[in-house]
């Protein structure tokens, strides 16, 4: 499974690189600009949920869901591009972060509780 996911991420990176190269946009893709674009796209994704009661699938409908899917793709594209520019292996980064999250949020202590890690009794 992990090899497949790593392969999928590599294919995404290649797809995005090709798109950028065809347009000669690499010159604009500084880490700062990519992080800014990622933030903008994340806000555009959030905008679709802004006035929904819960933001569940059934509240979206097919047209809105298509728009949400496209915004999610934009977020992923900018994240993949930023990782590429900074030479970050996203799969390895997620694995590392999950180790840290497991230590920060032990399942037996936090199950069913959404508070931040610093709000739990030690």
PDB file of N, CA and C in Angstrom:
ATOM      1  N   UNK A   1       0.826  -1.196   0.000  1.00  0.00           N
ATOM      2  CA  UNK A   1       0.000   0.000   0.000  1.00  0.00           C
ATOM      3  C   UNK A   1       0.866   1.253   0.000  1.00  0.00           C
ATOM      4  N   UNK A   2       1.851   1.320   0.861  1.00  0.00           N
ATOM      5  CA  UNK A   2       2.664   2.535   0.934  1.00  0.00           C
ATOM      6  C   UNK A   2       3.441   2.767  -0.359  1.00  0.00           C
ATOM      7  N   UNK A   3       3.911   1.699  -1.001  1.00  0.00           N
ATOM      8  CA  UNK A   3       4.629   1.862  -2.262  1.00  0.00           C
ATOM      9  C   UNK A   3       3.699   2.433  -3.327  1.00  0.00           C
ATOM     10  N   UNK A   4       2.441   2.001  -3.307  1.00  0.00           N
ATOM     11  CA  UNK A   4       1.469   2.528  -4.275  1.00  0.00           C
ATOM     12  C   UNK A   4       1.225   4.004  -4.031  1.00  0.00           C
ATOM     13  N   UNK A   5       1.084   4.385  -2.774  1.00  0.00           N
ATOM     14  CA  UNK A   5       0.859   5.791  -2.455  1.00  0.00           C
ATOM     15  C   UNK A   5       2.071   6.637  -2.832  1.00  0.00           C
ATOM     16  N   UNK A   6       3.248   6.139  -2.532  1.00  0.00           N
ATOM     17  CA  UNK A   6       4.456   6.866  -2.923  1.00  0.00           C
ATOM     18  C   UNK A   6       4.505   7.036  -4.439  1.00  0.00           C
ATOM     19  N   UNK A   7       4.143   5.983  -5.160  1.00  0.00           N
ATOM     20  CA  UNK A   7       4.108   6.058  -6.625  1.00  0.00           C
ATOM     21  C   UNK A   7       3.085   7.063  -7.111  1.00  0.00           C
ATOM     22  N   UNK A   8       1.927   7.095  -6.456  1.00  0.00           N
ATOM     23  CA  UNK A   8       0.890   8.063  -6.825  1.00  0.00           C
ATOM     24  C   UNK A   8       1.380   9.489  -6.608  1.00  0.00           C
ATOM     25  N   UNK A   9       2.060   9.724  -5.491  1.00  0.00           N
ATOM     26  CA  UNK A   9       2.594  11.064  -5.230  1.00  0.00           C
ATOM     27  C   UNK A   9       3.655  11.436  -6.260  1.00  0.00           C
ATOM     28  N   UNK A  10       4.483  10.493  -6.637  1.00  0.00           N
ATOM     29  CA  UNK A  10       5.509  10.763  -7.656  1.00  0.00           C
ATOM     30  C   UNK A  10       4.850  11.080  -8.995  1.00  0.00           C
ATOM     31  N   UNK A  11       3.794  10.367  -9.334  1.00  0.00           N
ATOM     32  CA  UNK A  11       3.080  10.638 -10.587  1.00  0.00           C
ATOM     33  C   UNK A  11       2.414  12.012 -10.546  1.00  0.00           C
ATOM     34  N   UNK A  12       1.850  12.380  -9.402  1.00  0.00           N
ATOM     35  CA  UNK A  12       1.267  13.719  -9.259  1.00  0.00           C
ATOM     36  C   UNK A  12       2.332  14.793  -9.435  1.00  0.00           C
ATOM     37  N   UNK A  13       3.485  14.588  -8.797  1.00  0.00           N
ATOM     38  CA  UNK A  13       4.573  15.561  -8.908  1.00  0.00           C
ATOM     39  C   UNK A  13       4.996  15.714 -10.367  1.00  0.00           C
ATOM     40  N   UNK A  14       5.112  14.607 -11.088  1.00  0.00           N
ATOM     41  CA  UNK A  14       5.498  14.658 -12.497  1.00  0.00           C
ATOM     42  C   UNK A  14       4.439  15.357 -13.337  1.00  0.00           C
ATOM     43  N   UNK A  15       3.182  15.085 -13.054  1.00  0.00           N
ATOM     44  CA  UNK A  15       2.080  15.723 -13.780  1.00  0.00           C
ATOM     45  C   UNK A  15       2.096  17.232 -13.576  1.00  0.00           C
ATOM     46  N   UNK A  16       2.309  17.666 -12.337  1.00  0.00           N
ATOM     47  CA  UNK A  16       2.340  19.098 -12.035  1.00  0.00           C
ATOM     48  C   UNK A  16       3.576  19.740 -12.652  1.00  0.00           C
ATOM     49  N   UNK A  17       4.725  19.060 -12.557  1.00  0.00           N
ATOM     50  CA  UNK A  17       5.943  19.591 -13.172  1.00  0.00           C
ATOM     51  C   UNK A  17       5.747  19.814 -14.668  1.00  0.00           C
ATOM     52  N   UNK A  18       5.152  18.842 -15.335  1.00  0.00           N
ATOM     53  CA  UNK A  18       4.924  18.948 -16.775  1.00  0.00           C
ATOM     54  C   UNK A  18       4.039  20.148 -17.099  1.00  0.00           C
ATOM     55  N   UNK A  19       2.964  20.313 -16.341  1.00  0.00           N
ATOM     56  CA  UNK A  19       2.054  21.433 -16.540  1.00  0.00           C
ATOM     57  C   UNK A  19       2.795  22.764 -16.372  1.00  0.00           C
ATOM     58  N   UNK A  20       3.589  22.864 -15.311  1.00  0.00           N
ATOM     59  CA  UNK A  20       4.338  24.093 -15.028  1.00  0.00           C
ATOM     60  C   UNK A  20       5.374  24.349 -16.120  1.00  0.00           C
ATOM     61  N   UNK A  21       6.096  23.308 -16.512  1.00  0.00           N
ATOM     62  CA  UNK A  21       7.140  23.467 -17.533  1.00  0.00           C
ATOM     63  C   UNK A  21       6.564  23.908 -18.872  1.00  0.00           C
ATOM     64  N   UNK A  22       5.411  23.374 -19.237  1.00  0.00           N
ATOM     65  CA  UNK A  22       4.775  23.753 -20.503  1.00  0.00           C
ATOM     66  C   UNK A  22       4.447  25.243 -20.544  1.00  0.00           C
ATOM     67  N   UNK A  23       4.274  25.841 -19.399  1.00  0.00           N
ATOM     68  CA  UNK A  23       3.880  27.247 -19.317  1.00  0.00           C
ATOM     69  C   UNK A  23       5.013  28.170 -18.868  1.00  0.00           C
ATOM     70  N   UNK A  24       6.190  27.601 -18.611  1.00  0.00           N
ATOM     71  CA  UNK A  24       7.341  28.364 -18.132  1.00  0.00           C
ATOM     72  C   UNK A  24       6.999  29.139 -16.861  1.00  0.00           C
ATOM     73  N   UNK A  25       6.341  28.468 -15.930  1.00  0.00           N
ATOM     74  CA  UNK A  25       5.916  29.106 -14.687  1.00  0.00           C
ATOM     75  C   UNK A  25       6.851  28.837 -13.517  1.00  0.00           C
ATOM     76  N   UNK A  26       7.861  28.004 -13.701  1.00  0.00           N
ATOM     77  CA  UNK A  26       8.743  27.687 -12.585  1.00  0.00           C
ATOM     78  C   UNK A  26       9.346  28.950 -11.975  1.00  0.00           C
ATOM     79  N   UNK A  27       9.592  29.932 -12.821  1.00  0.00           N
ATOM     80  CA  UNK A  27      10.194  31.185 -12.357  1.00  0.00           C
ATOM     81  C   UNK A  27       9.330  31.899 -11.307  1.00  0.00           C
ATOM     82  N   UNK A  28       8.037  31.619 -11.297  1.00  0.00           N
ATOM     83  CA  UNK A  28       7.125  32.250 -10.349  1.00  0.00           C
ATOM     84  C   UNK A  28       6.886  31.397  -9.102  1.00  0.00           C
ATOM     85  N   UNK A  29       7.310  30.165  -9.169  1.00  0.00           N
ATOM     86  CA  UNK A  29       6.990  29.213  -8.107  1.00  0.00           C
ATOM     87  C   UNK A  29       8.043  29.180  -7.011  1.00  0.00           C
ATOM     88  N   UNK A  30       8.184  30.302  -6.340  1.00  0.00           N
ATOM     89  CA  UNK A  30       9.038  30.327  -5.154  1.00  0.00           C
ATOM     90  C   UNK A  30       8.256  29.675  -4.010  1.00  0.00           C
ATOM     91  N   UNK A  31       8.947  29.155  -3.023  1.00  0.00           N
ATOM     92  CA  UNK A  31       8.217  28.579  -1.889  1.00  0.00           C
ATOM     93  C   UNK A  31       7.222  29.556  -1.258  1.00  0.00           C
ATOM     94  N   UNK A  32       7.604  30.819  -1.145  1.00  0.00           N
ATOM     95  CA  UNK A  32       6.687  31.813  -0.575  1.00  0.00           C
ATOM     96  C   UNK A  32       5.432  31.952  -1.426  1.00  0.00           C
ATOM     97  N   UNK A  33       5.614  32.067  -2.736  1.00  0.00           N
ATOM     98  CA  UNK A  33       4.458  32.218  -3.620  1.00  0.00           C
ATOM     99  C   UNK A  33       3.575  30.978  -3.602  1.00  0.00           C
ATOM    100  N   UNK A  34       4.183  29.810  -3.566  1.00  0.00           N
ATOM    101  CA  UNK A  34       3.412  28.577  -3.533  1.00  0.00           C
ATOM    102  C   UNK A  34       2.654  28.437  -2.211  1.00  0.00           C
ATOM    103  N   UNK A  35       3.296  28.795  -1.102  1.00  0.00           N
ATOM    104  CA  UNK A  35       2.608  28.742   0.194  1.00  0.00           C
ATOM    105  C   UNK A  35       1.442  29.729   0.215  1.00  0.00           C
ATOM    106  N   UNK A  36       1.641  30.899  -0.379  1.00  0.00           N
ATOM    107  CA  UNK A  36       0.556  31.882  -0.454  1.00  0.00           C
ATOM    108  C   UNK A  36      -0.594  31.339  -1.302  1.00  0.00           C
ATOM    109  N   UNK A  37      -0.278  30.772  -2.452  1.00  0.00           N
ATOM    110  CA  UNK A  37      -1.307  30.220  -3.332  1.00  0.00           C
ATOM    111  C   UNK A  37      -2.042  29.066  -2.650  1.00  0.00           C
ATOM    112  N   UNK A  38      -1.319  28.258  -1.916  1.00  0.00           N
ATOM    113  CA  UNK A  38      -1.930  27.155  -1.178  1.00  0.00           C
ATOM    114  C   UNK A  38      -2.939  27.680  -0.166  1.00  0.00           C
ATOM    115  N   UNK A  39      -2.581  28.723   0.528  1.00  0.00           N
ATOM    116  CA  UNK A  39      -3.476  29.336   1.508  1.00  0.00           C
ATOM    117  C   UNK A  39      -4.730  29.896   0.842  1.00  0.00           C
ATOM    118  N   UNK A  40      -4.560  30.541  -0.287  1.00  0.00           N
ATOM    119  CA  UNK A  40      -5.701  31.097  -1.024  1.00  0.00           C
ATOM    120  C   UNK A  40      -6.634  29.975  -1.465  1.00  0.00           C
ATOM    121  N   UNK A  41      -6.074  28.909  -2.006  1.00  0.00           N
ATOM    122  CA  UNK A  41      -6.906  27.794  -2.465  1.00  0.00           C
ATOM    123  C   UNK A  41      -7.616  27.116  -1.302  1.00  0.00           C
ATOM    124  N   UNK A  42      -6.949  27.006  -0.156  1.00  0.00           N
ATOM    125  CA  UNK A  42      -7.590  26.425   1.024  1.00  0.00           C
ATOM    126  C   UNK A  42      -8.769  27.298   1.465  1.00  0.00           C
ATOM    127  N   UNK A  43      -8.607  28.601   1.371  1.00  0.00           N
ATOM    128  CA  UNK A  43      -9.709  29.512   1.705  1.00  0.00           C
ATOM    129  C   UNK A  43     -10.857  29.360   0.711  1.00  0.00           C
ATOM    130  N   UNK A  44     -10.545  29.172  -0.562  1.00  0.00           N
ATOM    131  CA  UNK A  44     -11.591  28.961  -1.558  1.00  0.00           C
ATOM    132  C   UNK A  44     -12.338  27.657  -1.296  1.00  0.00           C
ATOM    133  N   UNK A  45     -11.639  26.651  -0.826  1.00  0.00           N
ATOM    134  CA  UNK A  45     -12.282  25.398  -0.437  1.00  0.00           C
ATOM    135  C   UNK A  45     -13.228  25.635   0.739  1.00  0.00           C
ATOM    136  N   UNK A  46     -12.758  26.343   1.730  1.00  0.00           N
ATOM    137  CA  UNK A  46     -13.567  26.640   2.909  1.00  0.00           C
ATOM    138  C   UNK A  46     -14.816  27.439   2.569  1.00  0.00           C
ATOM    139  N   UNK A  47     -14.705  28.295   1.588  1.00  0.00           N
ATOM    140  CA  UNK A  47     -15.824  29.152   1.203  1.00  0.00           C
ATOM    141  C   UNK A  47     -17.073  28.344   0.836  1.00  0.00           C
ATOM    142  N   UNK A  48     -16.885  27.166   0.272  1.00  0.00           N
ATOM    143  CA  UNK A  48     -18.031  26.334  -0.117  1.00  0.00           C
ATOM    144  C   UNK A  48     -18.813  25.806   1.092  1.00  0.00           C
ATOM    145  N   UNK A  49     -18.175  25.803   2.238  1.00  0.00           N
ATOM    146  CA  UNK A  49     -18.811  25.292   3.454  1.00  0.00           C
ATOM    147  C   UNK A  49     -19.282  26.409   4.381  1.00  0.00           C
ATOM    148  N   UNK A  50     -18.996  27.633   4.038  1.00  0.00           N
ATOM    149  CA  UNK A  50     -19.160  28.777   4.936  1.00  0.00           C
ATOM    150  C   UNK A  50     -20.536  28.870   5.587  1.00  0.00           C
ATOM    151  N   UNK A  51     -21.600  28.732   4.858  1.00  0.00           N
ATOM    152  CA  UNK A  51     -22.928  28.938   5.431  1.00  0.00           C
ATOM    153  C   UNK A  51     -23.732  27.647   5.569  1.00  0.00           C
ATOM    154  N   UNK A  52     -23.077  26.525   5.403  1.00  0.00           N
ATOM    155  CA  UNK A  52     -23.768  25.251   5.601  1.00  0.00           C
ATOM    156  C   UNK A  52     -23.847  24.945   7.099  1.00  0.00           C
ATOM    157  N   UNK A  53     -24.863  24.243   7.492  1.00  0.00           N
ATOM    158  CA  UNK A  53     -25.018  23.941   8.912  1.00  0.00           C
ATOM    159  C   UNK A  53     -23.910  23.030   9.415  1.00  0.00           C
ATOM    160  N   UNK A  54     -23.628  21.952   8.657  1.00  0.00           N
ATOM    161  CA  UNK A  54     -22.610  21.004   9.093  1.00  0.00           C
ATOM    162  C   UNK A  54     -21.527  20.767   8.043  1.00  0.00           C
ATOM    163  N   UNK A  55     -21.840  21.040   6.805  1.00  0.00           N
ATOM    164  CA  UNK A  55     -20.882  20.812   5.732  1.00  0.00           C
ATOM    165  C   UNK A  55     -20.777  19.361   5.321  1.00  0.00           C
ATOM    166  N   UNK A  56     -21.809  18.596   5.580  1.00  0.00           N
ATOM    167  CA  UNK A  56     -21.795  17.185   5.212  1.00  0.00           C
ATOM    168  C   UNK A  56     -22.103  17.027   3.731  1.00  0.00           C
ATOM    169  N   UNK A  57     -21.777  15.852   3.225  1.00  0.00           N
ATOM    170  CA  UNK A  57     -21.942  15.551   1.808  1.00  0.00           C
ATOM    171  C   UNK A  57     -23.345  15.858   1.303  1.00  0.00           C
ATOM    172  N   UNK A  58     -24.340  15.455   2.060  1.00  0.00           N
ATOM    173  CA  UNK A  58     -25.722  15.642   1.609  1.00  0.00           C
ATOM    174  C   UNK A  58     -26.127  17.119   1.525  1.00  0.00           C
ATOM    175  N   UNK A  59     -25.407  17.994   2.189  1.00  0.00           N
ATOM    176  CA  UNK A  59     -25.695  19.425   2.107  1.00  0.00           C
ATOM    177  C   UNK A  59     -25.120  20.059   0.839  1.00  0.00           C
ATOM    178  N   UNK A  60     -24.174  19.399   0.213  1.00  0.00           N
ATOM    179  CA  UNK A  60     -23.487  19.985  -0.929  1.00  0.00           C
ATOM    180  C   UNK A  60     -24.254  19.834  -2.243  1.00  0.00           C
ATOM    181  N   UNK A  61     -24.727  18.649  -2.537  1.00  0.00           N
ATOM    182  CA  UNK A  61     -25.340  18.401  -3.840  1.00  0.00           C
ATOM    183  C   UNK A  61     -24.262  18.176  -4.882  1.00  0.00           C
ATOM    184  N   UNK A  62     -24.628  17.619  -6.029  1.00  0.00           N
ATOM    185  CA  UNK A  62     -23.618  17.235  -7.025  1.00  0.00           C
ATOM    186  C   UNK A  62     -22.822  18.404  -7.618  1.00  0.00           C
ATOM    187  N   UNK A  63     -23.453  19.518  -7.895  1.00  0.00           N
ATOM    188  CA  UNK A  63     -22.731  20.649  -8.485  1.00  0.00           C
ATOM    189  C   UNK A  63     -21.725  21.242  -7.507  1.00  0.00           C
ATOM    190  N   UNK A  64     -22.172  21.448  -6.275  1.00  0.00           N
ATOM    191  CA  UNK A  64     -21.279  22.014  -5.258  1.00  0.00           C
ATOM    192  C   UNK A  64     -20.151  21.034  -4.946  1.00  0.00           C
ATOM    193  N   UNK A  65     -20.469  19.741  -4.923  1.00  0.00           N
ATOM    194  CA  UNK A  65     -19.437  18.733  -4.670  1.00  0.00           C
ATOM    195  C   UNK A  65     -18.367  18.766  -5.760  1.00  0.00           C
ATOM    196  N   UNK A  66     -18.765  18.966  -7.004  1.00  0.00           N
ATOM    197  CA  UNK A  66     -17.798  19.073  -8.098  1.00  0.00           C
ATOM    198  C   UNK A  66     -16.872  20.270  -7.873  1.00  0.00           C
ATOM    199  N   UNK A  67     -17.438  21.389  -7.443  1.00  0.00           N
ATOM    200  CA  UNK A  67     -16.625  22.574  -7.153  1.00  0.00           C
ATOM    201  C   UNK A  67     -15.668  22.309  -5.995  1.00  0.00           C
ATOM    202  N   UNK A  68     -16.149  21.641  -4.967  1.00  0.00           N
ATOM    203  CA  UNK A  68     -15.311  21.292  -3.816  1.00  0.00           C
ATOM    204  C   UNK A  68     -14.166  20.383  -4.257  1.00  0.00           C
ATOM    205  N   UNK A  69     -14.482  19.394  -5.092  1.00  0.00           N
ATOM    206  CA  UNK A  69     -13.446  18.493  -5.607  1.00  0.00           C
ATOM    207  C   UNK A  69     -12.356  19.268  -6.331  1.00  0.00           C
ATOM    208  N   UNK A  70     -12.756  20.245  -7.138  1.00  0.00           N
ATOM    209  CA  UNK A  70     -11.772  21.041  -7.886  1.00  0.00           C
ATOM    210  C   UNK A  70     -10.917  21.889  -6.952  1.00  0.00           C
ATOM    211  N   UNK A  71     -11.522  22.449  -5.926  1.00  0.00           N
ATOM    212  CA  UNK A  71     -10.737  23.226  -4.947  1.00  0.00           C
ATOM    213  C   UNK A  71      -9.777  22.318  -4.184  1.00  0.00           C
ATOM    214  N   UNK A  72     -10.233  21.119  -3.851  1.00  0.00           N
ATOM    215  CA  UNK A  72      -9.353  20.163  -3.188  1.00  0.00           C
ATOM    216  C   UNK A  72      -8.167  19.825  -4.084  1.00  0.00           C
ATOM    217  N   UNK A  73      -8.428  19.668  -5.373  1.00  0.00           N
ATOM    218  CA  UNK A  73      -7.354  19.388  -6.319  1.00  0.00           C
ATOM    219  C   UNK A  73      -6.370  20.557  -6.365  1.00  0.00           C
ATOM    220  N   UNK A  74      -6.879  21.779  -6.372  1.00  0.00           N
ATOM    221  CA  UNK A  74      -5.995  22.949  -6.365  1.00  0.00           C
ATOM    222  C   UNK A  74      -5.094  22.960  -5.137  1.00  0.00           C
ATOM    223  N   UNK A  75      -5.672  22.664  -3.981  1.00  0.00           N
ATOM    224  CA  UNK A  75      -4.887  22.614  -2.740  1.00  0.00           C
ATOM    225  C   UNK A  75      -3.790  21.563  -2.857  1.00  0.00           C
ATOM    226  N   UNK A  76      -4.157  20.396  -3.346  1.00  0.00           N
ATOM    227  CA  UNK A  76      -3.180  19.314  -3.482  1.00  0.00           C
ATOM    228  C   UNK A  76      -2.087  19.672  -4.481  1.00  0.00           C
ATOM    229  N   UNK A  77      -2.455  20.282  -5.594  1.00  0.00           N
ATOM    230  CA  UNK A  77      -1.467  20.669  -6.608  1.00  0.00           C
ATOM    231  C   UNK A  77      -0.442  21.625  -6.004  1.00  0.00           C
ATOM    232  N   UNK A  78      -0.903  22.630  -5.298  1.00  0.00           N
ATOM    233  CA  UNK A  78       0.050  23.582  -4.711  1.00  0.00           C
ATOM    234  C   UNK A  78       0.887  22.935  -3.617  1.00  0.00           C
ATOM    235  N   UNK A  79       0.307  22.034  -2.855  1.00  0.00           N
ATOM    236  CA  UNK A  79       1.079  21.340  -1.823  1.00  0.00           C
ATOM    237  C   UNK A  79       2.150  20.449  -2.454  1.00  0.00           C
ATOM    238  N   UNK A  80       1.782  19.716  -3.481  1.00  0.00           N
ATOM    239  CA  UNK A  80       2.737  18.854  -4.183  1.00  0.00           C
ATOM    240  C   UNK A  80       3.848  19.701  -4.809  1.00  0.00           C
ATOM    241  N   UNK A  81       3.482  20.816  -5.391  1.00  0.00           N
ATOM    242  CA  UNK A  81       4.473  21.700  -6.017  1.00  0.00           C
ATOM    243  C   UNK A  81       5.418  22.297  -4.976  1.00  0.00           C
ATOM    244  N   UNK A  82       4.872  22.724  -3.845  1.00  0.00           N
ATOM    245  CA  UNK A  82       5.706  23.270  -2.770  1.00  0.00           C
ATOM    246  C   UNK A  82       6.671  22.209  -2.251  1.00  0.00           C
ATOM    247  N   UNK A  83       6.176  21.013  -2.049  1.00  0.00           N
ATOM    248  CA  UNK A  83       7.043  19.920  -1.604  1.00  0.00           C
ATOM    249  C   UNK A  83       8.144  19.648  -2.623  1.00  0.00           C
ATOM    250  N   UNK A  84       7.793  19.702  -3.897  1.00  0.00           N
ATOM    251  CA  UNK A  84       8.774  19.488  -4.958  1.00  0.00           C
ATOM    252  C   UNK A  84       9.860  20.559  -4.900  1.00  0.00           C
ATOM    253  N   UNK A  85       9.461  21.805  -4.771  1.00  0.00           N
ATOM    254  CA  UNK A  85      10.431  22.911  -4.738  1.00  0.00           C
ATOM    255  C   UNK A  85      11.339  22.850  -3.509  1.00  0.00           C
ATOM    256  N   UNK A  86      10.815  22.326  -2.396  1.00  0.00           N
ATOM    257  CA  UNK A  86      11.600  22.256  -1.162  1.00  0.00           C
ATOM    258  C   UNK A  86      12.239  20.877  -0.955  1.00  0.00           C
ATOM    259  N   UNK A  87      12.080  20.010  -1.949  1.00  0.00           N
ATOM    260  CA  UNK A  87      12.633  18.657  -1.896  1.00  0.00           C
ATOM    261  C   UNK A  87      12.138  17.906  -0.649  1.00  0.00           C
ATOM    262  N   UNK A  88      10.851  18.011  -0.398  1.00  0.00           N
ATOM    263  CA  UNK A  88      10.220  17.326   0.729  1.00  0.00           C
ATOM    264  C   UNK A  88       9.489  16.098   0.201  1.00  0.00           C
ATOM    265  N   UNK A  89       9.787  14.961   0.779  1.00  0.00           N
ATOM    266  CA  UNK A  89       9.076  13.722   0.472  1.00  0.00           C
ATOM    267  C   UNK A  89       7.799  13.744   1.312  1.00  0.00           C
ATOM    268  N   UNK A  90       6.674  14.015   0.666  1.00  0.00           N
ATOM    269  CA  UNK A  90       5.415  14.151   1.406  1.00  0.00           C
ATOM    270  C   UNK A  90       5.027  12.870   2.120  1.00  0.00           C
ATOM    271  N   UNK A  91       5.249  11.724   1.498  1.00  0.00           N
ATOM    272  CA  UNK A  91       4.904  10.464   2.137  1.00  0.00           C
ATOM    273  C   UNK A  91       5.719  10.289   3.418  1.00  0.00           C
ATOM    274  N   UNK A  92       7.010  10.531   3.347  1.00  0.00           N
ATOM    275  CA  UNK A  92       7.870  10.420   4.531  1.00  0.00           C
ATOM    276  C   UNK A  92       7.487  11.462   5.579  1.00  0.00           C
ATOM    277  N   UNK A  93       7.138  12.667   5.135  1.00  0.00           N
ATOM    278  CA  UNK A  93       6.744  13.722   6.072  1.00  0.00           C
ATOM    279  C   UNK A  93       5.485  13.322   6.839  1.00  0.00           C
ATOM    280  N   UNK A  94       4.516  12.712   6.142  1.00  0.00           N
ATOM    281  CA  UNK A  94       3.291  12.265   6.810  1.00  0.00           C
ATOM    282  C   UNK A  94       3.611  11.147   7.793  1.00  0.00           C
ATOM    283  N   UNK A  95       4.471  10.218   7.398  1.00  0.00           N
ATOM    284  CA  UNK A  95       4.853   9.146   8.319  1.00  0.00           C
ATOM    285  C   UNK A  95       5.493   9.718   9.585  1.00  0.00           C
ATOM    286  N   UNK A  96       6.411  10.669   9.417  1.00  0.00           N
ATOM    287  CA  UNK A  96       7.066  11.312  10.565  1.00  0.00           C
ATOM    288  C   UNK A  96       6.047  12.027  11.443  1.00  0.00           C
ATOM    289  N   UNK A  97       5.135  12.750  10.816  1.00  0.00           N
ATOM    290  CA  UNK A  97       4.145  13.520  11.569  1.00  0.00           C
ATOM    291  C   UNK A  97       3.188  12.605  12.330  1.00  0.00           C
ATOM    292  N   UNK A  98       2.856  11.458  11.752  1.00  0.00           N
ATOM    293  CA  UNK A  98       1.970  10.517  12.448  1.00  0.00           C
ATOM    294  C   UNK A  98       2.626   9.973  13.715  1.00  0.00           C
ATOM    295  N   UNK A  99       3.939   9.753  13.679  1.00  0.00           N
ATOM    296  CA  UNK A  99       4.662   9.329  14.883  1.00  0.00           C
ATOM    297  C   UNK A  99       4.537  10.411  15.955  1.00  0.00           C
ATOM    298  N   UNK A 100       4.750  11.661  15.565  1.00  0.00           N
ATOM    299  CA  UNK A 100       4.634  12.777  16.515  1.00  0.00           C
ATOM    300  C   UNK A 100       3.198  12.911  17.026  1.00  0.00           C
ATOM    301  N   UNK A 101       2.219  12.776  16.125  1.00  0.00           N
ATOM    302  CA  UNK A 101       0.814  12.898  16.533  1.00  0.00           C
ATOM    303  C   UNK A 101       0.400  11.778  17.476  1.00  0.00           C
ATOM    304  N   UNK A 102       0.897  10.566  17.238  1.00  0.00           N
ATOM    305  CA  UNK A 102       0.570   9.448  18.135  1.00  0.00           C
ATOM    306  C   UNK A 102       1.081   9.724  19.543  1.00  0.00           C
ATOM    307  N   UNK A 103       2.258  10.333  19.644  1.00  0.00           N
ATOM    308  CA  UNK A 103       2.810  10.669  20.959  1.00  0.00           C
ATOM    309  C   UNK A 103       2.036  11.817  21.601  1.00  0.00           C
ATOM    310  N   UNK A 104       1.625  12.775  20.785  1.00  0.00           N
ATOM    311  CA  UNK A 104       0.917  13.948  21.284  1.00  0.00           C
ATOM    312  C   UNK A 104      -0.526  13.622  21.664  1.00  0.00           C
ATOM    313  N   UNK A 105      -1.127  12.706  20.934  1.00  0.00           N
ATOM    314  CA  UNK A 105      -2.533  12.336  21.129  1.00  0.00           C
ATOM    315  C   UNK A 105      -2.660  10.823  21.309  1.00  0.00           C
ATOM    316  N   UNK A 106      -2.269  10.300  22.482  1.00  0.00           N
ATOM    317  CA  UNK A 106      -2.387   8.855  22.696  1.00  0.00           C
ATOM    318  C   UNK A 106      -3.858   8.424  22.604  1.00  0.00           C
ATOM    319  N   UNK A 107      -4.125   7.411  21.778  1.00  0.00           N
ATOM    320  CA  UNK A 107      -5.505   6.992  21.505  1.00  0.00           C
ATOM    321  C   UNK A 107      -6.276   6.679  22.781  1.00  0.00           C
ATOM    322  N   UNK A 108      -5.635   6.002  23.710  1.00  0.00           N
ATOM    323  CA  UNK A 108      -6.348   5.626  24.938  1.00  0.00           C
ATOM    324  C   UNK A 108      -6.717   6.843  25.788  1.00  0.00           C
ATOM    325  N   UNK A 109      -6.064   7.955  25.569  1.00  0.00           N
ATOM    326  CA  UNK A 109      -6.334   9.162  26.353  1.00  0.00           C
ATOM    327  C   UNK A 109      -7.299  10.115  25.640  1.00  0.00           C
ATOM    328  N   UNK A 110      -7.306  10.125  24.324  1.00  0.00           N
ATOM    329  CA  UNK A 110      -8.044  11.160  23.594  1.00  0.00           C
ATOM    330  C   UNK A 110      -9.236  10.647  22.800  1.00  0.00           C
ATOM    331  N   UNK A 111      -9.463   9.361  22.803  1.00  0.00           N
ATOM    332  CA  UNK A 111     -10.539   8.781  21.987  1.00  0.00           C
ATOM    333  C   UNK A 111     -11.854   9.528  22.223  1.00  0.00           C
ATOM    334  N   UNK A 112     -12.454  10.039  21.142  1.00  0.00           N
ATOM    335  CA  UNK A 112     -13.741  10.722  21.217  1.00  0.00           C
ATOM    336  C   UNK A 112     -13.686  12.133  21.776  1.00  0.00           C
ATOM    337  N   UNK A 113     -12.507  12.677  21.945  1.00  0.00           N
ATOM    338  CA  UNK A 113     -12.337  14.013  22.533  1.00  0.00           C
ATOM    339  C   UNK A 113     -11.559  14.877  21.546  1.00  0.00           C
ATOM    340  N   UNK A 114     -12.088  16.024  21.157  1.00  0.00           N
ATOM    341  CA  UNK A 114     -11.486  16.851  20.106  1.00  0.00           C
ATOM    342  C   UNK A 114     -10.624  17.995  20.633  1.00  0.00           C
ATOM    343  N   UNK A 115     -10.345  18.000  21.928  1.00  0.00           N
ATOM    344  CA  UNK A 115      -9.524  19.099  22.454  1.00  0.00           C
ATOM    345  C   UNK A 115      -8.095  19.037  21.926  1.00  0.00           C
ATOM    346  N   UNK A 116      -7.399  20.154  22.008  1.00  0.00           N
ATOM    347  CA  UNK A 116      -6.001  20.213  21.633  1.00  0.00           C
ATOM    348  C   UNK A 116      -5.167  19.455  22.653  1.00  0.00           C
ATOM    349  N   UNK A 117      -3.987  19.030  22.236  1.00  0.00           N
ATOM    350  CA  UNK A 117      -3.138  18.203  23.078  1.00  0.00           C
ATOM    351  C   UNK A 117      -2.796  18.851  24.423  1.00  0.00           C
ATOM    352  N   UNK A 118      -2.661  20.162  24.456  1.00  0.00           N
ATOM    353  CA  UNK A 118      -2.289  20.840  25.697  1.00  0.00           C
ATOM    354  C   UNK A 118      -3.454  20.977  26.666  1.00  0.00           C
ATOM    355  N   UNK A 119      -4.656  20.613  26.245  1.00  0.00           N
ATOM    356  CA  UNK A 119      -5.824  20.703  27.110  1.00  0.00           C
ATOM    357  C   UNK A 119      -6.094  19.398  27.868  1.00  0.00           C
ATOM    358  N   UNK A 120      -5.364  18.346  27.552  1.00  0.00           N
ATOM    359  CA  UNK A 120      -5.562  17.079  28.238  1.00  0.00           C
ATOM    360  C   UNK A 120      -4.805  17.057  29.547  1.00  0.00           C
ATOM    361  N   UNK A 121      -5.365  16.364  30.492  1.00  0.00           N
ATOM    362  CA  UNK A 121      -4.671  16.197  31.772  1.00  0.00           C
ATOM    363  C   UNK A 121      -3.490  15.270  31.555  1.00  0.00           C
ATOM    364  N   UNK A 122      -2.395  15.612  32.153  1.00  0.00           N
ATOM    365  CA  UNK A 122      -1.178  14.786  32.036  1.00  0.00           C
ATOM    366  C   UNK A 122      -1.102  13.817  33.179  1.00  0.00           C
TER     367      UNK A 122
END
